[in-house]
C-alpha atoms as a PDB file:
ATOM      1  CA  UNK A   1      78.161  49.718-197.389  1.00  0.00           C
ATOM      2  CA  UNK A   2      74.699  50.845-197.379  1.00  0.00           C
ATOM      3  CA  UNK A   3      73.507  47.820-199.881  1.00  0.00           C
ATOM      4  CA  UNK A   4      75.344  45.506-197.168  1.00  0.00           C
ATOM      5  CA  UNK A   5      73.533  46.938-194.336  1.00  0.00           C
ATOM      6  CA  UNK A   6      70.437  46.982-196.529  1.00  0.00           C
ATOM      7  CA  UNK A   7      71.245  42.782-197.269  1.00  0.00           C
ATOM      8  CA  UNK A   8      71.729  42.175-193.631  1.00  0.00           C
ATOM      9  CA  UNK A   9      68.409  43.959-192.471  1.00  0.00           C
ATOM     10  CA  UNK A  10      66.763  41.580-195.104  1.00  0.00           C
ATOM     11  CA  UNK A  11      68.664  38.755-193.899  1.00  0.00           C
ATOM     12  CA  UNK A  12      67.091  38.642-190.757  1.00  0.00           C
ATOM     13  CA  UNK A  13      65.367  35.707-189.152  1.00  0.00           C
ATOM     14  CA  UNK A  14      62.743  38.869-187.552  1.00  0.00           C
ATOM     15  CA  UNK A  15      61.788  38.856-191.543  1.00  0.00           C
ATOM     16  CA  UNK A  16      61.046  42.741-190.628  1.00  0.00           C
ATOM     17  CA  UNK A  17      60.130  45.386-193.168  1.00  0.00           C
ATOM     18  CA  UNK A  18      62.865  47.560-194.714  1.00  0.00           C
ATOM     19  CA  UNK A  19      62.432  51.093-195.207  1.00  0.00           C
ATOM     20  CA  UNK A  20      65.902  53.069-196.319  1.00  0.00           C
ATOM     21  CA  UNK A  21      66.588  56.773-196.155  1.00  0.00           C
ATOM     22  CA  UNK A  22      68.372  58.125-198.439  1.00  0.00           C
ATOM     23  CA  UNK A  23      69.022  60.659-201.077  1.00  0.00           C
ATOM     24  CA  UNK A  24      69.239  58.510-203.779  1.00  0.00           C
ATOM     25  CA  UNK A  25      65.319  57.006-203.815  1.00  0.00           C
ATOM     26  CA  UNK A  26      65.586  56.062-207.273  1.00  0.00           C
ATOM     27  CA  UNK A  27      68.317  53.397-207.030  1.00  0.00           C
ATOM     28  CA  UNK A  28      66.747  51.942-203.902  1.00  0.00           C
ATOM     29  CA  UNK A  29      62.798  51.970-205.155  1.00  0.00           C
ATOM     30  CA  UNK A  30      64.797  49.812-208.705  1.00  0.00           C
ATOM     31  CA  UNK A  31      66.820  47.142-206.206  1.00  0.00           C
ATOM     32  CA  UNK A  32      63.680  46.845-204.285  1.00  0.00           C
ATOM     33  CA  UNK A  33      62.229  44.783-206.740  1.00  0.00           C
ATOM     34  CA  UNK A  34      64.879  41.544-206.169  1.00  0.00           C
ATOM     35  CA  UNK A  35      64.144  41.775-202.673  1.00  0.00           C
ATOM     36  CA  UNK A  36      61.257  39.529-202.077  1.00  0.00           C
ATOM     37  CA  UNK A  37      60.239  41.543-198.738  1.00  0.00           C
ATOM     38  CA  UNK A  38      58.247  44.570-197.666  1.00  0.00           C
ATOM     39  CA  UNK A  39      60.722  47.313-198.955  1.00  0.00           C
ATOM     40  CA  UNK A  40      60.384  51.469-198.949  1.00  0.00           C
ATOM     41  CA  UNK A  41      62.278  53.953-199.347  1.00  0.00           C
ATOM     42  CA  UNK A  42      62.208  58.142-198.103  1.00  0.00           C
ATOM     43  CA  UNK A  43      64.128  60.450-200.636  1.00  0.00           C
ATOM     44  CA  UNK A  44      66.069  63.007-197.507  1.00  0.00           C
ATOM     45  CA  UNK A  45      68.861  65.438-197.613  1.00  0.00           C
ATOM     46  CA  UNK A  46      69.245  65.432-194.262  1.00  0.00           C
ATOM     47  CA  UNK A  47      70.011  62.032-192.266  1.00  0.00           C
ATOM     48  CA  UNK A  48      69.130  63.314-188.797  1.00  0.00           C
ATOM     49  CA  UNK A  49      65.329  65.193-188.965  1.00  0.00           C
ATOM     50  CA  UNK A  50      64.840  62.288-192.130  1.00  0.00           C
ATOM     51  CA  UNK A  51      65.094  59.492-189.086  1.00  0.00           C
ATOM     52  CA  UNK A  52      62.853  61.599-187.096  1.00  0.00           C
ATOM     53  CA  UNK A  53      60.350  62.217-189.724  1.00  0.00           C
ATOM     54  CA  UNK A  54      60.394  58.547-190.784  1.00  0.00           C
ATOM     55  CA  UNK A  55      60.380  56.756-187.504  1.00  0.00           C
ATOM     56  CA  UNK A  56      56.548  58.813-187.216  1.00  0.00           C
ATOM     57  CA  UNK A  57      56.027  58.497-191.408  1.00  0.00           C
ATOM     58  CA  UNK A  58      55.403  54.606-191.831  1.00  0.00           C
ATOM     59  CA  UNK A  59      53.506  54.254-188.668  1.00  0.00           C
ATOM     60  CA  UNK A  60      50.342  55.867-190.871  1.00  0.00           C
ATOM     61  CA  UNK A  61      51.836  54.776-194.097  1.00  0.00           C
ATOM     62  CA  UNK A  62      52.552  51.174-193.485  1.00  0.00           C
ATOM     63  CA  UNK A  63      50.351  50.451-190.254  1.00  0.00           C
ATOM     64  CA  UNK A  64      53.951  49.530-187.987  1.00  0.00           C
ATOM     65  CA  UNK A  65      52.350  51.077-185.194  1.00  0.00           C
ATOM     66  CA  UNK A  66      52.438  48.204-182.794  1.00  0.00           C
ATOM     67  CA  UNK A  67      55.517  47.141-184.540  1.00  0.00           C
ATOM     68  CA  UNK A  68      59.240  47.814-182.979  1.00  0.00           C
ATOM     69  CA  UNK A  69      61.025  50.073-185.334  1.00  0.00           C
ATOM     70  CA  UNK A  70      65.101  50.501-185.787  1.00  0.00           C
ATOM     71  CA  UNK A  71      67.278  52.316-187.138  1.00  0.00           C
ATOM     72  CA  UNK A  72      70.820  51.156-188.883  1.00  0.00           C
ATOM     73  CA  UNK A  73      73.244  53.740-190.176  1.00  0.00           C
ATOM     74  CA  UNK A  74      75.002  52.691-193.590  1.00  0.00           C
ATOM     75  CA  UNK A  75      78.659  52.781-191.988  1.00  0.00           C
ATOM     76  CA  UNK A  76      78.269  49.289-190.915  1.00  0.00           C
ATOM     77  CA  UNK A  77      81.006  47.354-192.582  1.00  0.00           C
ATOM     78  CA  UNK A  78      81.040  44.419-190.456  1.00  0.00           C
ATOM     79  CA  UNK A  79      77.194  43.998-189.649  1.00  0.00           C
ATOM     80  CA  UNK A  80      75.379  40.729-190.531  1.00  0.00           C
ATOM     81  CA  UNK A  81      71.872  39.408-190.382  1.00  0.00           C
ATOM     82  CA  UNK A  82      72.826  37.680-187.104  1.00  0.00           C
ATOM     83  CA  UNK A  83      73.950  41.269-185.406  1.00  0.00           C
ATOM     84  CA  UNK A  84      70.559  42.708-186.581  1.00  0.00           C
ATOM     85  CA  UNK A  85      68.606  40.169-185.366  1.00  0.00           C
ATOM     86  CA  UNK A  86      70.310  40.738-181.613  1.00  0.00           C
ATOM     87  CA  UNK A  87      68.673  44.129-181.516  1.00  0.00           C
ATOM     88  CA  UNK A  88      65.204  42.792-182.931  1.00  0.00           C
ATOM     89  CA  UNK A  89      64.978  39.572-180.455  1.00  0.00           C
ATOM     90  CA  UNK A  90      65.344  41.413-177.650  1.00  0.00           C
ATOM     91  CA  UNK A  91      62.085  42.118-175.511  1.00  0.00           C
ATOM     92  CA  UNK A  92      62.150  45.574-174.066  1.00  0.00           C
ATOM     93  CA  UNK A  93      60.931  48.948-175.324  1.00  0.00           C
ATOM     94  CA  UNK A  94      64.345  50.150-176.180  1.00  0.00           C
ATOM     95  CA  UNK A  95      67.437  48.495-177.546  1.00  0.00           C
ATOM     96  CA  UNK A  96      70.591  50.072-177.973  1.00  0.00           C
ATOM     97  CA  UNK A  97      73.392  49.301-180.036  1.00  0.00           C
ATOM     98  CA  UNK A  98      76.298  51.108-179.054  1.00  0.00           C
ATOM     99  CA  UNK A  99      79.124  51.930-181.398  1.00  0.00           C
ATOM    100  CA  UNK A 100      82.805  50.008-179.632  1.00  0.00           C
ATOM    101  CA  UNK A 101      83.310  53.429-177.723  1.00  0.00           C
ATOM    102  CA  UNK A 102      79.812  53.335-176.244  1.00  0.00           C
ATOM    103  CA  UNK A 103      79.345  56.996-177.493  1.00  0.00           C
ATOM    104  CA  UNK A 104      77.544  56.852-180.535  1.00  0.00           C
ATOM    105  CA  UNK A 105      74.253  54.722-181.400  1.00  0.00           C
ATOM    106  CA  UNK A 106      74.662  51.926-184.100  1.00  0.00           C
ATOM    107  CA  UNK A 107      71.450  50.444-184.395  1.00  0.00           C
ATOM    108  CA  UNK A 108      68.073  51.531-182.237  1.00  0.00           C
ATOM    109  CA  UNK A 109      65.062  49.620-182.104  1.00  0.00           C
ATOM    110  CA  UNK A 110      62.185  51.282-180.214  1.00  0.00           C
ATOM    111  CA  UNK A 111      58.969  49.660-179.815  1.00  0.00           C
ATOM    112  CA  UNK A 112      56.953  52.499-180.479  1.00  0.00           C
ATOM    113  CA  UNK A 113      53.529  51.262-178.968  1.00  0.00           C
ATOM    114  CA  UNK A 114      54.833  51.093-175.383  1.00  0.00           C
ATOM    115  CA  UNK A 115      54.549  54.649-174.530  1.00  0.00           C
ATOM    116  CA  UNK A 116      52.284  57.471-175.661  1.00  0.00           C
ATOM    117  CA  UNK A 117      54.965  60.082-176.779  1.00  0.00           C
ATOM    118  CA  UNK A 118      56.874  60.092-179.195  1.00  0.00           C
ATOM    119  CA  UNK A 119      60.410  59.371-178.768  1.00  0.00           C
ATOM    120  CA  UNK A 120      62.899  61.799-179.483  1.00  0.00           C
ATOM    121  CA  UNK A 121      65.914  60.383-181.544  1.00  0.00           C
ATOM    122  CA  UNK A 122      69.854  62.142-181.522  1.00  0.00           C
ATOM    123  CA  UNK A 123      72.804  60.560-183.541  1.00  0.00           C
ATOM    124  CA  UNK A 124      76.654  60.922-183.335  1.00  0.00           C
ATOM    125  CA  UNK A 125      78.306  61.760-180.110  1.00  0.00           C
ATOM    126  CA  UNK A 126      77.148  61.260-177.169  1.00  0.00           C
ATOM    127  CA  UNK A 127      74.048  59.426-178.501  1.00  0.00           C
ATOM    128  CA  UNK A 128      74.516  56.084-176.474  1.00  0.00           C
ATOM    129  CA  UNK A 129      73.893  58.535-173.452  1.00  0.00           C
ATOM    130  CA  UNK A 130      70.969  60.270-174.933  1.00  0.00           C
ATOM    131  CA  UNK A 131      68.960  57.470-176.189  1.00  0.00           C
ATOM    132  CA  UNK A 132      69.623  55.842-172.294  1.00  0.00           C
ATOM    133  CA  UNK A 133      67.975  59.287-171.017  1.00  0.00           C
ATOM    134  CA  UNK A 134      65.182  59.266-173.623  1.00  0.00           C
ATOM    135  CA  UNK A 135      63.869  56.408-172.577  1.00  0.00           C
ATOM    136  CA  UNK A 136      64.282  57.163-168.713  1.00  0.00           C
ATOM    137  CA  UNK A 137      62.446  60.095-169.783  1.00  0.00           C
ATOM    138  CA  UNK A 138      59.759  57.987-171.024  1.00  0.00           C
ATOM    139  CA  UNK A 139      59.686  56.032-167.976  1.00  0.00           C
ATOM    140  CA  UNK A 140      60.448  52.812-170.057  1.00  0.00           C
ATOM    141  CA  UNK A 141      63.414  50.172-169.526  1.00  0.00           C
ATOM    142  CA  UNK A 142      66.315  50.461-172.356  1.00  0.00           C
ATOM    143  CA  UNK A 143      68.931  47.682-172.713  1.00  0.00           C
ATOM    144  CA  UNK A 144      72.064  47.331-174.432  1.00  0.00           C
ATOM    145  CA  UNK A 145      72.842  44.840-177.192  1.00  0.00           C
ATOM    146  CA  UNK A 146      76.375  44.573-178.215  1.00  0.00           C
ATOM    147  CA  UNK A 147      77.928  42.640-181.427  1.00  0.00           C
ATOM    148  CA  UNK A 148      81.124  43.355-183.617  1.00  0.00           C
ATOM    149  CA  UNK A 149      78.755  43.962-186.442  1.00  0.00           C
ATOM    150  CA  UNK A 150      77.073  46.732-184.800  1.00  0.00           C
ATOM    151  CA  UNK A 151      79.534  48.049-182.922  1.00  0.00           C
ATOM    152  CA  UNK A 152      82.252  48.605-185.299  1.00  0.00           C
ATOM    153  CA  UNK A 153      81.620  51.773-187.387  1.00  0.00           C
ATOM    154  CA  UNK A 154      83.696  54.233-189.823  1.00  0.00           C
ATOM    155  CA  UNK A 155      83.487  57.913-188.686  1.00  0.00           C
ATOM    156  CA  UNK A 156      87.246  58.107-188.793  1.00  0.00           C
ATOM    157  CA  UNK A 157      90.690  57.410-191.159  1.00  0.00           C
ATOM    158  CA  UNK A 158      91.378  55.223-188.504  1.00  0.00           C
ATOM    159  CA  UNK A 159      89.025  53.302-188.767  1.00  0.00           C
ATOM    160  CA  UNK A 160      89.664  52.081-192.021  1.00  0.00           C
ATOM    161  CA  UNK A 161      93.238  51.105-190.305  1.00  0.00           C
ATOM    162  CA  UNK A 162      91.243  49.415-187.840  1.00  0.00           C
ATOM    163  CA  UNK A 163      89.044  47.817-190.530  1.00  0.00           C
ATOM    164  CA  UNK A 164      91.656  46.695-192.444  1.00  0.00           C
ATOM    165  CA  UNK A 165      92.822  44.554-189.040  1.00  0.00           C
ATOM    166  CA  UNK A 166      89.505  42.826-188.977  1.00  0.00           C
ATOM    167  CA  UNK A 167      89.601  41.528-192.747  1.00  0.00           C
ATOM    168  CA  UNK A 168      92.836  40.205-192.171  1.00  0.00           C
ATOM    169  CA  UNK A 169      93.357  36.154-191.943  1.00  0.00           C
ATOM    170  CA  UNK A 170      95.084  37.089-188.319  1.00  0.00           C
ATOM    171  CA  UNK A 171      92.312  39.335-187.141  1.00  0.00           C
ATOM    172  CA  UNK A 172      89.197  37.218-188.068  1.00  0.00           C
ATOM    173  CA  UNK A 173      87.116  36.320-185.012  1.00  0.00           C
ATOM    174  CA  UNK A 174      88.890  39.358-182.640  1.00  0.00           C
ATOM    175  CA  UNK A 175      86.593  40.938-180.453  1.00  0.00           C
ATOM    176  CA  UNK A 176      85.610  44.586-180.617  1.00  0.00           C
ATOM    177  CA  UNK A 177      87.028  47.158-178.204  1.00  0.00           C
END
């Protein structure tokens, strides 16, 4: 699934740089040569802390200070480049793509130059509301971007069952709940 998310990110119209945060940095460094886009990887053991650090790290390393910073998890089995572009094309300081239950955050874009202090990333159950609250704390607007690919994630065994429905011929085109 991570490969699918990375390939979808690399296929965006926005031509965004891609940073993969993974404990398997060697795998991603080897694949980067074939991707023909600006691609970076960060080795980590802990995803949440690494996302917070990586949101600051690329600013100095890759000079992303005026670009938006986006975060997508690896558990998005239906995500497409168009789904990611749906998030990236929004003109707002903070764009949140919630999960289909509107509890978690499955994609997040933050324009790092829109406010003077760091945006605090929160992931897990309740993070959709927490990200909205964080935007409010910083005094900026947050908008929501929804699509099937960014709303459907795999968190439970039941999600795998539902994924099979989406992949079956009768489930094609069915809207997310």
